[in-house]
N, C-alpha and C. Protein backbone atom coordinates (compact mmCIF):
# COMPACT_ATOMS: atom_id res chain seq x y z
N MET A 1 -2.78 65.01 -36.88
CA MET A 1 -2.48 63.59 -36.72
C MET A 1 -1.13 63.45 -36.04
N ARG A 2 -1.06 62.55 -35.05
CA ARG A 2 0.21 62.34 -34.34
C ARG A 2 0.67 60.88 -34.38
N THR A 3 -0.26 59.95 -34.44
CA THR A 3 0.11 58.54 -34.43
C THR A 3 0.82 58.17 -35.72
N ALA A 4 1.96 57.51 -35.58
CA ALA A 4 2.73 57.09 -36.75
C ALA A 4 3.09 55.62 -36.62
N PHE A 5 3.20 54.97 -37.76
CA PHE A 5 3.50 53.54 -37.85
C PHE A 5 4.87 53.39 -38.49
N LYS A 6 5.78 52.68 -37.82
CA LYS A 6 7.14 52.53 -38.31
C LYS A 6 7.22 51.39 -39.33
N GLU A 7 7.81 51.69 -40.47
CA GLU A 7 7.98 50.69 -41.52
C GLU A 7 9.25 51.02 -42.30
N TRP A 8 9.84 50.00 -42.91
CA TRP A 8 11.06 50.22 -43.68
C TRP A 8 10.84 51.30 -44.74
N ALA A 9 11.85 52.11 -44.98
CA ALA A 9 11.76 53.19 -45.96
C ALA A 9 11.42 52.67 -47.34
N ILE A 10 11.97 51.53 -47.74
CA ILE A 10 11.71 51.00 -49.07
C ILE A 10 10.26 50.53 -49.19
N VAL A 11 9.68 50.06 -48.10
CA VAL A 11 8.27 49.66 -48.12
C VAL A 11 7.37 50.89 -48.15
N VAL A 12 7.72 51.92 -47.38
CA VAL A 12 6.96 53.17 -47.43
C VAL A 12 6.99 53.73 -48.85
N ASP A 13 8.12 53.62 -49.51
CA ASP A 13 8.23 54.08 -50.90
C ASP A 13 7.26 53.30 -51.80
N ALA A 14 7.21 51.98 -51.63
CA ALA A 14 6.30 51.15 -52.44
C ALA A 14 4.85 51.49 -52.16
N LEU A 15 4.53 51.73 -50.89
CA LEU A 15 3.17 52.14 -50.54
C LEU A 15 2.86 53.52 -51.13
N GLY A 16 3.82 54.41 -51.04
CA GLY A 16 3.61 55.77 -51.51
C GLY A 16 3.50 55.88 -53.02
N ARG A 17 4.07 54.93 -53.74
CA ARG A 17 3.95 54.92 -55.20
C ARG A 17 2.76 54.10 -55.67
N GLY A 18 2.04 53.49 -54.72
CA GLY A 18 0.89 52.67 -55.09
C GLY A 18 1.27 51.31 -55.62
N GLU A 19 2.54 50.92 -55.46
CA GLU A 19 2.98 49.61 -55.94
C GLU A 19 2.33 48.48 -55.12
N GLN A 20 2.12 48.74 -53.85
CA GLN A 20 1.43 47.77 -53.00
C GLN A 20 0.53 48.52 -52.04
N ILE A 21 -0.50 47.81 -51.53
CA ILE A 21 -1.39 48.39 -50.53
C ILE A 21 -1.33 47.58 -49.24
N ILE A 22 -0.41 46.62 -49.16
CA ILE A 22 -0.35 45.69 -48.04
C ILE A 22 0.78 46.04 -47.08
N ILE A 23 0.48 46.00 -45.79
CA ILE A 23 1.48 46.03 -44.74
C ILE A 23 1.42 44.68 -44.02
N LEU A 24 2.54 44.03 -43.89
CA LEU A 24 2.63 42.77 -43.14
C LEU A 24 3.42 43.04 -41.86
N ARG A 25 2.87 42.65 -40.73
CA ARG A 25 3.52 42.99 -39.47
C ARG A 25 3.37 41.86 -38.46
N LYS A 26 4.49 41.52 -37.86
CA LYS A 26 4.49 40.57 -36.76
C LYS A 26 4.34 41.30 -35.43
N GLY A 27 5.02 42.43 -35.34
CA GLY A 27 5.03 43.17 -34.08
C GLY A 27 6.43 43.19 -33.51
N GLY A 28 6.82 44.32 -32.96
CA GLY A 28 8.16 44.47 -32.41
C GLY A 28 8.27 43.87 -31.02
N ILE A 29 9.50 43.76 -30.54
CA ILE A 29 9.72 43.15 -29.23
C ILE A 29 9.19 44.02 -28.11
N SER A 30 8.89 45.29 -28.44
CA SER A 30 8.36 46.20 -27.42
C SER A 30 6.84 46.29 -27.44
N GLU A 31 6.17 45.39 -28.17
CA GLU A 31 4.72 45.47 -28.28
C GLU A 31 4.01 45.05 -27.00
N GLY A 32 4.70 44.31 -26.13
CA GLY A 32 4.07 43.86 -24.90
C GLY A 32 3.45 42.48 -25.05
N ARG A 33 2.88 41.97 -23.98
CA ARG A 33 2.35 40.61 -23.97
C ARG A 33 1.18 40.43 -24.93
N GLY A 34 0.45 41.50 -25.16
CA GLY A 34 -0.70 41.39 -26.06
C GLY A 34 -0.34 41.32 -27.53
N GLY A 35 0.95 41.60 -27.86
CA GLY A 35 1.37 41.55 -29.24
C GLY A 35 0.91 42.74 -30.04
N PHE A 36 0.99 42.61 -31.35
CA PHE A 36 0.66 43.71 -32.24
C PHE A 36 -0.84 44.02 -32.22
N LYS A 37 -1.16 45.30 -32.22
CA LYS A 37 -2.55 45.75 -32.30
C LYS A 37 -2.61 46.96 -33.24
N ILE A 38 -3.76 47.11 -33.88
CA ILE A 38 -3.98 48.29 -34.70
C ILE A 38 -4.46 49.38 -33.76
N GLU A 39 -3.56 50.25 -33.36
CA GLU A 39 -3.89 51.25 -32.35
C GLU A 39 -4.77 52.36 -32.91
N GLN A 40 -4.61 52.66 -34.20
CA GLN A 40 -5.42 53.68 -34.85
C GLN A 40 -5.74 53.21 -36.26
N PRO A 41 -6.96 53.48 -36.77
CA PRO A 41 -7.28 53.10 -38.14
C PRO A 41 -6.68 54.05 -39.18
N GLN A 42 -6.06 55.13 -38.71
CA GLN A 42 -5.44 56.11 -39.60
C GLN A 42 -4.13 56.56 -38.95
N PHE A 43 -3.05 56.56 -39.74
CA PHE A 43 -1.74 56.86 -39.14
C PHE A 43 -0.76 57.36 -40.20
N LEU A 44 0.21 58.12 -39.74
CA LEU A 44 1.32 58.54 -40.57
C LEU A 44 2.26 57.36 -40.82
N LEU A 45 2.92 57.36 -41.95
CA LEU A 45 3.91 56.33 -42.25
C LEU A 45 5.30 56.87 -41.89
N PHE A 46 5.95 56.20 -40.95
CA PHE A 46 7.24 56.61 -40.38
C PHE A 46 8.32 55.72 -41.00
N PRO A 47 9.08 56.23 -41.99
CA PRO A 47 10.08 55.38 -42.64
C PRO A 47 11.32 55.17 -41.77
N THR A 48 11.73 53.93 -41.66
CA THR A 48 12.94 53.61 -40.91
C THR A 48 14.04 53.16 -41.87
N LEU A 49 15.28 53.35 -41.46
CA LEU A 49 16.41 53.05 -42.33
C LEU A 49 17.16 51.82 -41.85
N PHE A 50 16.43 50.83 -41.40
CA PHE A 50 17.02 49.56 -40.96
C PHE A 50 17.98 49.05 -42.04
N HIS A 51 19.23 48.80 -41.64
CA HIS A 51 20.28 48.58 -42.62
C HIS A 51 20.14 47.31 -43.43
N GLN A 52 19.38 46.32 -42.96
CA GLN A 52 19.25 45.06 -43.67
C GLN A 52 18.04 45.02 -44.61
N GLN A 53 17.31 46.13 -44.73
CA GLN A 53 16.09 46.06 -45.52
C GLN A 53 16.36 45.81 -47.00
N ARG A 54 17.48 46.29 -47.53
CA ARG A 54 17.75 46.07 -48.95
C ARG A 54 17.80 44.59 -49.29
N GLU A 55 18.46 43.81 -48.45
CA GLU A 55 18.59 42.37 -48.71
C GLU A 55 17.31 41.61 -48.44
N SER A 56 16.34 42.26 -47.85
CA SER A 56 15.11 41.58 -47.42
C SER A 56 13.95 41.77 -48.39
N VAL A 57 14.20 42.46 -49.51
CA VAL A 57 13.15 42.69 -50.48
C VAL A 57 13.54 42.08 -51.82
N ILE A 58 12.57 41.98 -52.72
CA ILE A 58 12.79 41.34 -54.02
C ILE A 58 13.77 42.16 -54.86
N PRO A 59 14.40 41.54 -55.88
CA PRO A 59 15.43 42.25 -56.66
C PRO A 59 14.99 43.60 -57.23
N ALA A 60 13.77 43.70 -57.75
CA ALA A 60 13.31 44.98 -58.30
C ALA A 60 13.30 46.06 -57.22
N ALA A 61 12.91 45.69 -56.01
CA ALA A 61 12.87 46.65 -54.91
C ALA A 61 14.29 46.98 -54.43
N GLN A 62 15.22 46.03 -54.57
CA GLN A 62 16.61 46.33 -54.24
C GLN A 62 17.17 47.41 -55.17
N SER A 63 16.82 47.30 -56.45
CA SER A 63 17.25 48.32 -57.40
C SER A 63 16.64 49.67 -57.07
N ARG A 64 15.36 49.66 -56.67
CA ARG A 64 14.70 50.89 -56.28
C ARG A 64 15.35 51.48 -55.03
N HIS A 65 15.74 50.62 -54.10
CA HIS A 65 16.43 51.07 -52.89
C HIS A 65 17.71 51.81 -53.25
N ASP A 66 18.49 51.23 -54.18
CA ASP A 66 19.74 51.86 -54.58
C ASP A 66 19.48 53.22 -55.23
N GLU A 67 18.35 53.33 -55.91
CA GLU A 67 18.02 54.58 -56.60
C GLU A 67 17.66 55.70 -55.62
N ILE A 68 16.91 55.35 -54.57
CA ILE A 68 16.41 56.39 -53.67
C ILE A 68 17.27 56.60 -52.42
N ALA A 69 18.17 55.64 -52.12
CA ALA A 69 18.96 55.72 -50.89
C ALA A 69 19.75 57.03 -50.76
N PRO A 70 20.32 57.58 -51.84
CA PRO A 70 21.06 58.85 -51.69
C PRO A 70 20.19 60.00 -51.19
N GLY A 71 18.87 59.88 -51.36
CA GLY A 71 17.99 60.94 -50.92
C GLY A 71 17.40 60.74 -49.54
N PHE A 72 17.78 59.64 -48.87
CA PHE A 72 17.28 59.42 -47.51
C PHE A 72 17.76 60.54 -46.60
N PRO A 73 16.93 60.97 -45.65
CA PRO A 73 17.37 62.01 -44.72
C PRO A 73 18.45 61.49 -43.78
N PRO A 74 19.22 62.37 -43.17
CA PRO A 74 20.21 61.91 -42.19
C PRO A 74 19.53 61.26 -40.99
N ALA A 75 20.29 60.50 -40.22
CA ALA A 75 19.73 59.77 -39.09
C ALA A 75 19.11 60.70 -38.05
N SER A 76 19.51 61.94 -38.05
CA SER A 76 19.00 62.90 -37.07
C SER A 76 17.67 63.52 -37.48
N GLN A 77 17.17 63.11 -38.65
CA GLN A 77 15.99 63.77 -39.20
C GLN A 77 14.93 62.74 -39.59
N LEU A 78 13.67 63.09 -39.37
CA LEU A 78 12.52 62.27 -39.76
C LEU A 78 11.77 62.98 -40.87
N ARG A 79 11.51 62.27 -41.96
CA ARG A 79 10.75 62.86 -43.06
C ARG A 79 9.42 62.10 -43.21
N LEU A 80 8.31 62.81 -43.09
CA LEU A 80 6.98 62.24 -43.22
C LEU A 80 6.35 62.74 -44.51
N GLU A 81 5.89 61.80 -45.34
CA GLU A 81 5.31 62.17 -46.63
C GLU A 81 3.91 61.58 -46.86
N TYR A 82 3.53 60.58 -46.05
CA TYR A 82 2.28 59.87 -46.32
C TYR A 82 1.54 59.54 -45.03
N PHE A 83 0.23 59.36 -45.16
CA PHE A 83 -0.53 58.71 -44.10
C PHE A 83 -1.40 57.64 -44.72
N ALA A 84 -1.87 56.71 -43.89
CA ALA A 84 -2.62 55.56 -44.38
C ALA A 84 -3.90 55.36 -43.59
N ASP A 85 -4.93 54.92 -44.28
CA ASP A 85 -6.18 54.47 -43.66
C ASP A 85 -6.23 52.95 -43.75
N VAL A 86 -6.52 52.27 -42.65
CA VAL A 86 -6.71 50.83 -42.69
C VAL A 86 -8.10 50.53 -43.24
N VAL A 87 -8.14 49.82 -44.33
CA VAL A 87 -9.41 49.46 -44.95
C VAL A 87 -9.81 48.04 -44.53
N GLU A 88 -8.81 47.18 -44.36
CA GLU A 88 -9.10 45.81 -43.93
C GLU A 88 -7.87 45.25 -43.24
N ALA A 89 -8.09 44.38 -42.27
CA ALA A 89 -6.97 43.75 -41.55
C ALA A 89 -7.31 42.30 -41.29
N ARG A 90 -6.33 41.43 -41.50
CA ARG A 90 -6.51 40.00 -41.27
C ARG A 90 -5.34 39.47 -40.44
N LYS A 91 -5.63 38.48 -39.60
CA LYS A 91 -4.58 37.75 -38.92
C LYS A 91 -4.39 36.43 -39.65
N LEU A 92 -3.20 36.23 -40.19
CA LEU A 92 -2.89 35.05 -40.98
C LEU A 92 -2.27 34.00 -40.06
N ASP A 93 -2.99 32.91 -39.87
CA ASP A 93 -2.58 31.90 -38.89
C ASP A 93 -1.79 30.76 -39.50
N SER A 94 -1.52 30.82 -40.78
CA SER A 94 -0.66 29.80 -41.40
C SER A 94 0.27 30.48 -42.39
N LEU A 95 1.43 29.88 -42.59
CA LEU A 95 2.38 30.44 -43.54
C LEU A 95 1.80 30.41 -44.95
N ALA A 96 0.99 29.41 -45.25
CA ALA A 96 0.36 29.32 -46.57
C ALA A 96 -0.53 30.54 -46.84
N ASP A 97 -1.21 31.02 -45.81
CA ASP A 97 -2.04 32.21 -45.96
C ASP A 97 -1.18 33.41 -46.33
N ALA A 98 -0.05 33.55 -45.64
CA ALA A 98 0.85 34.66 -45.93
C ALA A 98 1.43 34.54 -47.34
N GLU A 99 1.77 33.31 -47.73
CA GLU A 99 2.35 33.09 -49.05
C GLU A 99 1.34 33.35 -50.16
N ALA A 100 0.05 33.30 -49.83
CA ALA A 100 -0.98 33.58 -50.84
C ALA A 100 -0.93 35.02 -51.32
N LEU A 101 -0.25 35.88 -50.56
CA LEU A 101 -0.13 37.29 -50.93
C LEU A 101 1.15 37.58 -51.71
N ARG A 102 1.88 36.53 -52.07
CA ARG A 102 3.11 36.71 -52.84
C ARG A 102 2.80 37.46 -54.14
N GLY A 103 3.66 38.39 -54.50
CA GLY A 103 3.46 39.18 -55.70
C GLY A 103 2.68 40.46 -55.46
N ARG A 104 2.13 40.60 -54.26
CA ARG A 104 1.36 41.81 -53.94
C ARG A 104 2.11 42.71 -52.96
N HIS A 105 3.36 42.36 -52.70
CA HIS A 105 4.24 43.16 -51.83
C HIS A 105 5.68 42.89 -52.23
N ILE A 106 6.62 43.62 -51.64
CA ILE A 106 8.01 43.53 -52.08
C ILE A 106 8.90 42.70 -51.15
N TRP A 107 8.37 42.14 -50.05
CA TRP A 107 9.20 41.34 -49.16
C TRP A 107 9.57 40.00 -49.81
N ARG A 108 10.75 39.52 -49.53
CA ARG A 108 11.16 38.20 -50.00
C ARG A 108 10.46 37.12 -49.19
N ASP A 109 10.28 35.95 -49.80
CA ASP A 109 9.61 34.84 -49.13
C ASP A 109 10.28 34.48 -47.81
N GLU A 110 11.61 34.51 -47.81
CA GLU A 110 12.35 34.12 -46.60
C GLU A 110 12.04 35.06 -45.43
N VAL A 111 11.86 36.32 -45.72
CA VAL A 111 11.56 37.30 -44.67
C VAL A 111 10.18 37.04 -44.09
N ILE A 112 9.21 36.76 -44.95
CA ILE A 112 7.86 36.46 -44.48
C ILE A 112 7.88 35.22 -43.61
N SER A 113 8.61 34.20 -44.03
CA SER A 113 8.70 32.97 -43.25
C SER A 113 9.34 33.21 -41.89
N GLU A 114 10.42 34.02 -41.86
CA GLU A 114 11.08 34.33 -40.60
C GLU A 114 10.16 35.10 -39.66
N ARG A 115 9.45 36.07 -40.21
CA ARG A 115 8.52 36.84 -39.38
C ARG A 115 7.41 35.95 -38.83
N PHE A 116 6.91 35.08 -39.68
CA PHE A 116 5.81 34.21 -39.26
C PHE A 116 6.25 33.31 -38.10
N ASP A 117 7.43 32.75 -38.20
CA ASP A 117 7.89 31.77 -37.21
C ASP A 117 8.44 32.41 -35.94
N TRP A 118 8.74 33.71 -35.98
CA TRP A 118 9.35 34.35 -34.81
C TRP A 118 8.34 34.43 -33.66
N GLY A 119 8.81 34.11 -32.45
CA GLY A 119 7.96 34.23 -31.26
C GLY A 119 7.04 33.03 -31.05
N LYS A 120 6.24 33.12 -30.02
CA LYS A 120 5.34 32.03 -29.67
C LYS A 120 4.12 31.94 -30.57
N ASP A 121 3.63 33.09 -31.00
CA ASP A 121 2.42 33.13 -31.82
C ASP A 121 2.81 32.98 -33.28
N LYS A 122 2.51 31.81 -33.87
CA LYS A 122 2.84 31.57 -35.27
C LYS A 122 1.76 32.19 -36.14
N ALA A 123 1.91 33.45 -36.41
CA ALA A 123 0.93 34.19 -37.19
C ALA A 123 1.57 35.50 -37.63
N ILE A 124 0.90 36.16 -38.57
CA ILE A 124 1.34 37.47 -39.04
C ILE A 124 0.09 38.26 -39.42
N PHE A 125 0.16 39.56 -39.29
CA PHE A 125 -0.99 40.40 -39.60
C PHE A 125 -0.82 41.02 -40.99
N ALA A 126 -1.90 41.06 -41.74
CA ALA A 126 -1.92 41.69 -43.06
C ALA A 126 -2.92 42.82 -43.04
N LEU A 127 -2.45 44.02 -43.33
CA LEU A 127 -3.30 45.21 -43.38
C LEU A 127 -3.38 45.69 -44.82
N ALA A 128 -4.59 45.93 -45.31
CA ALA A 128 -4.79 46.59 -46.59
C ALA A 128 -5.05 48.06 -46.29
N VAL A 129 -4.23 48.95 -46.83
CA VAL A 129 -4.30 50.36 -46.46
C VAL A 129 -4.46 51.24 -47.69
N ARG A 130 -5.19 52.34 -47.52
CA ARG A 130 -5.31 53.38 -48.55
C ARG A 130 -4.34 54.49 -48.15
N VAL A 131 -3.36 54.74 -49.00
CA VAL A 131 -2.28 55.67 -48.69
C VAL A 131 -2.56 57.03 -49.35
N HIS A 132 -2.28 58.09 -48.58
CA HIS A 132 -2.44 59.47 -49.05
C HIS A 132 -1.11 60.19 -48.94
N GLN A 133 -0.81 61.02 -49.92
CA GLN A 133 0.42 61.81 -49.90
C GLN A 133 0.13 63.20 -49.34
N LEU A 134 0.96 63.63 -48.40
CA LEU A 134 0.82 64.97 -47.85
C LEU A 134 1.15 66.02 -48.90
N PRO A 135 0.56 67.20 -48.81
CA PRO A 135 0.85 68.25 -49.80
C PRO A 135 2.33 68.61 -49.86
N LYS A 136 3.00 68.47 -48.73
CA LYS A 136 4.42 68.80 -48.64
C LYS A 136 5.07 67.90 -47.60
N ALA A 137 6.24 67.40 -47.91
CA ALA A 137 6.95 66.55 -46.94
C ALA A 137 7.23 67.34 -45.66
N ILE A 138 7.06 66.66 -44.53
CA ILE A 138 7.30 67.27 -43.22
C ILE A 138 8.61 66.71 -42.67
N GLU A 139 9.52 67.59 -42.29
CA GLU A 139 10.79 67.15 -41.72
C GLU A 139 10.87 67.59 -40.27
N LEU A 140 11.16 66.61 -39.41
CA LEU A 140 11.20 66.82 -37.97
C LEU A 140 12.50 66.26 -37.40
N PRO A 141 12.93 66.74 -36.25
CA PRO A 141 14.09 66.12 -35.60
C PRO A 141 13.76 64.70 -35.14
N MET A 142 14.70 63.80 -35.26
CA MET A 142 14.52 62.42 -34.81
C MET A 142 14.77 62.36 -33.30
N LEU A 143 13.71 62.21 -32.54
CA LEU A 143 13.82 62.21 -31.09
C LEU A 143 14.17 60.83 -30.55
N PRO A 144 14.84 60.75 -29.40
CA PRO A 144 15.15 59.44 -28.79
C PRO A 144 13.90 58.60 -28.54
N ALA A 145 12.77 59.25 -28.26
CA ALA A 145 11.53 58.52 -27.98
C ALA A 145 11.03 57.74 -29.18
N TYR A 146 11.52 58.07 -30.37
CA TYR A 146 11.07 57.38 -31.57
C TYR A 146 11.81 56.07 -31.80
N GLY A 147 12.86 55.82 -31.04
CA GLY A 147 13.66 54.63 -31.25
C GLY A 147 13.03 53.38 -30.66
N GLY A 148 13.71 52.27 -30.83
CA GLY A 148 13.25 51.01 -30.27
C GLY A 148 12.46 50.17 -31.27
N CYS A 149 12.36 48.89 -30.94
CA CYS A 149 11.66 47.94 -31.80
C CYS A 149 10.18 47.95 -31.46
N LYS A 150 9.47 48.92 -31.98
CA LYS A 150 8.04 49.07 -31.73
C LYS A 150 7.38 49.59 -32.99
N SER A 151 6.13 49.25 -33.15
CA SER A 151 5.41 49.62 -34.37
C SER A 151 4.89 51.04 -34.32
N TRP A 152 4.44 51.48 -33.15
CA TRP A 152 3.70 52.73 -33.04
C TRP A 152 4.46 53.77 -32.23
N ILE A 153 4.43 55.01 -32.70
CA ILE A 153 4.99 56.12 -31.93
C ILE A 153 4.07 57.33 -32.09
N GLU A 154 4.26 58.30 -31.21
CA GLU A 154 3.53 59.56 -31.30
C GLU A 154 4.54 60.65 -31.67
N VAL A 155 4.34 61.28 -32.82
CA VAL A 155 5.27 62.31 -33.24
C VAL A 155 4.91 63.65 -32.63
N GLU A 156 5.89 64.52 -32.58
CA GLU A 156 5.71 65.88 -32.09
C GLU A 156 6.20 66.84 -33.17
N PRO A 157 5.37 67.84 -33.52
CA PRO A 157 4.03 68.16 -33.02
C PRO A 157 2.97 67.46 -33.86
N ASP A 158 1.68 67.84 -33.68
CA ASP A 158 0.61 67.33 -34.53
C ASP A 158 0.91 67.69 -35.99
N ILE A 159 0.56 66.77 -36.90
CA ILE A 159 0.80 66.99 -38.32
C ILE A 159 -0.53 67.30 -39.01
N ASP A 160 -0.60 68.41 -39.69
CA ASP A 160 -1.78 68.81 -40.44
C ASP A 160 -1.79 68.05 -41.76
N VAL A 161 -2.82 67.23 -41.99
CA VAL A 161 -2.87 66.43 -43.22
C VAL A 161 -3.88 67.01 -44.22
N THR A 162 -4.36 68.22 -43.97
CA THR A 162 -5.29 68.86 -44.88
C THR A 162 -4.68 68.95 -46.29
N GLY A 163 -5.47 68.57 -47.28
CA GLY A 163 -5.00 68.64 -48.66
C GLY A 163 -4.28 67.41 -49.15
N ALA A 164 -4.12 66.39 -48.30
CA ALA A 164 -3.49 65.15 -48.73
C ALA A 164 -4.37 64.47 -49.79
N ARG A 165 -3.74 63.80 -50.73
CA ARG A 165 -4.46 63.14 -51.82
C ARG A 165 -4.07 61.67 -51.90
N PRO A 166 -5.04 60.79 -52.21
CA PRO A 166 -4.72 59.36 -52.34
C PRO A 166 -3.72 59.12 -53.47
N VAL A 167 -2.80 58.19 -53.24
CA VAL A 167 -1.79 57.91 -54.26
C VAL A 167 -2.34 57.06 -55.39
N LEU A 168 -3.46 56.39 -55.16
CA LEU A 168 -4.13 55.60 -56.19
C LEU A 168 -5.54 56.15 -56.40
N SER A 169 -6.02 56.08 -57.61
CA SER A 169 -7.42 56.43 -57.86
C SER A 169 -8.32 55.42 -57.17
N ASP A 170 -9.59 55.78 -57.00
CA ASP A 170 -10.53 54.85 -56.37
C ASP A 170 -10.55 53.51 -57.11
N SER A 171 -10.64 53.56 -58.43
CA SER A 171 -10.76 52.32 -59.19
C SER A 171 -9.49 51.48 -59.09
N ALA A 172 -8.31 52.12 -59.14
CA ALA A 172 -7.06 51.37 -59.02
C ALA A 172 -6.91 50.75 -57.64
N PHE A 173 -7.32 51.51 -56.61
CA PHE A 173 -7.24 50.95 -55.26
C PHE A 173 -8.19 49.77 -55.09
N VAL A 174 -9.41 49.90 -55.56
CA VAL A 174 -10.39 48.82 -55.42
C VAL A 174 -9.92 47.57 -56.13
N THR A 175 -9.27 47.73 -57.28
CA THR A 175 -8.73 46.57 -57.99
C THR A 175 -7.71 45.83 -57.12
N LYS A 176 -6.80 46.58 -56.50
CA LYS A 176 -5.80 45.95 -55.64
C LYS A 176 -6.45 45.34 -54.40
N LEU A 177 -7.44 46.03 -53.84
CA LEU A 177 -8.12 45.50 -52.66
C LEU A 177 -8.85 44.21 -52.99
N ASP A 178 -9.50 44.16 -54.14
CA ASP A 178 -10.19 42.94 -54.56
C ASP A 178 -9.21 41.78 -54.70
N LYS A 179 -8.02 42.05 -55.22
CA LYS A 179 -7.01 40.99 -55.37
C LYS A 179 -6.49 40.53 -54.01
N PHE A 180 -6.35 41.47 -53.07
CA PHE A 180 -5.98 41.11 -51.70
C PHE A 180 -7.02 40.16 -51.11
N ARG A 181 -8.27 40.52 -51.24
CA ARG A 181 -9.35 39.70 -50.70
C ARG A 181 -9.43 38.35 -51.40
N ALA A 182 -9.27 38.36 -52.73
CA ALA A 182 -9.36 37.12 -53.49
C ALA A 182 -8.27 36.14 -53.09
N ALA A 183 -7.07 36.66 -52.78
CA ALA A 183 -5.96 35.80 -52.37
C ALA A 183 -6.26 35.07 -51.08
N LEU A 184 -7.13 35.66 -50.25
CA LEU A 184 -7.44 35.08 -48.94
C LEU A 184 -8.84 34.45 -48.91
N THR A 185 -9.52 34.40 -50.05
CA THR A 185 -10.87 33.84 -50.12
C THR A 185 -10.87 32.38 -49.68
N GLY A 186 -11.86 32.05 -48.85
CA GLY A 186 -12.02 30.67 -48.42
C GLY A 186 -11.08 30.22 -47.33
N LYS A 187 -10.29 31.15 -46.79
CA LYS A 187 -9.33 30.77 -45.77
C LYS A 187 -9.85 31.00 -44.35
N GLY A 188 -11.10 31.42 -44.25
CA GLY A 188 -11.69 31.59 -42.92
C GLY A 188 -11.01 32.66 -42.10
N LEU A 189 -10.69 33.77 -42.73
CA LEU A 189 -9.93 34.84 -42.08
C LEU A 189 -10.79 36.10 -42.01
N PRO A 190 -11.65 36.19 -41.00
CA PRO A 190 -12.49 37.39 -40.89
C PRO A 190 -11.65 38.61 -40.56
N ALA A 191 -12.18 39.78 -40.91
CA ALA A 191 -11.49 41.02 -40.55
C ALA A 191 -11.38 41.09 -39.03
N ILE A 192 -10.23 41.56 -38.52
CA ILE A 192 -9.99 41.55 -37.09
C ILE A 192 -10.19 42.93 -36.47
N GLN A 193 -10.45 43.93 -37.30
CA GLN A 193 -10.56 45.29 -36.77
C GLN A 193 -11.90 45.87 -37.18
N ALA A 194 -12.73 46.21 -36.20
CA ALA A 194 -14.06 46.71 -36.51
C ALA A 194 -14.04 48.17 -36.93
N ALA A 195 -13.11 48.94 -36.37
CA ALA A 195 -13.12 50.39 -36.58
C ALA A 195 -12.22 50.81 -37.72
N VAL A 196 -12.31 50.08 -38.84
CA VAL A 196 -11.51 50.46 -39.99
C VAL A 196 -12.35 51.30 -40.93
N THR A 197 -11.69 52.02 -41.80
CA THR A 197 -12.43 52.85 -42.75
C THR A 197 -13.06 51.98 -43.81
N LYS A 198 -14.13 52.48 -44.40
CA LYS A 198 -14.85 51.70 -45.40
C LYS A 198 -14.15 51.78 -46.75
N GLN A 199 -14.36 50.71 -47.55
CA GLN A 199 -13.83 50.69 -48.90
C GLN A 199 -14.46 51.79 -49.72
N PRO A 200 -13.67 52.55 -50.47
CA PRO A 200 -14.26 53.62 -51.29
C PRO A 200 -15.06 53.05 -52.44
N ALA A 201 -16.04 53.79 -52.90
CA ALA A 201 -16.78 53.39 -54.08
C ALA A 201 -15.90 53.58 -55.31
N PRO A 202 -16.01 52.68 -56.30
CA PRO A 202 -15.21 52.85 -57.51
C PRO A 202 -15.53 54.17 -58.19
N ALA A 203 -14.54 54.76 -58.81
CA ALA A 203 -14.77 56.00 -59.53
C ALA A 203 -15.67 55.76 -60.72
N SER A 204 -16.58 56.68 -60.99
CA SER A 204 -17.50 56.50 -62.12
C SER A 204 -16.78 56.81 -63.42
């Protein structure tokens, strides 16, 4: 696997611990005229150390940030620990739709509102993802090509994900996925990505 998705380190931590299964994304300024797209239904999670992320998450996540920040790798190093499968993706065309997911992620309301209103397209994308932990953390040099305000990058070299395990059991993941769907029920928001992975069957 080479495709990686850039996300704040504190959010990657929440995804990796199974605290949330949602990624909310507006798209970076380098996404181009077409805006944000799901380039791959499966991707590595690339944690970024954007300095304002602590103030942009809820208080409990701020405390978690303070706890794990001493273990962040140096700026010259990239640490990969997880990959994600997109199970469902929605384009949220109103702020009310985005606010319906409150409590299912760690972003503050103000951040969601700012992301929604930024740019010409008043919308935000919500991805429900199944996260897997790699057998061993992979540490790579941070290359200049990885920089910039963009969602997607290609890491070097290919990453072997054999032996990775889901961070949530099937039943726990399905419970969270059902709540994601229930929050958006009746809002006329069809899935926007056809080539996503299927929902796992609940564990017996």
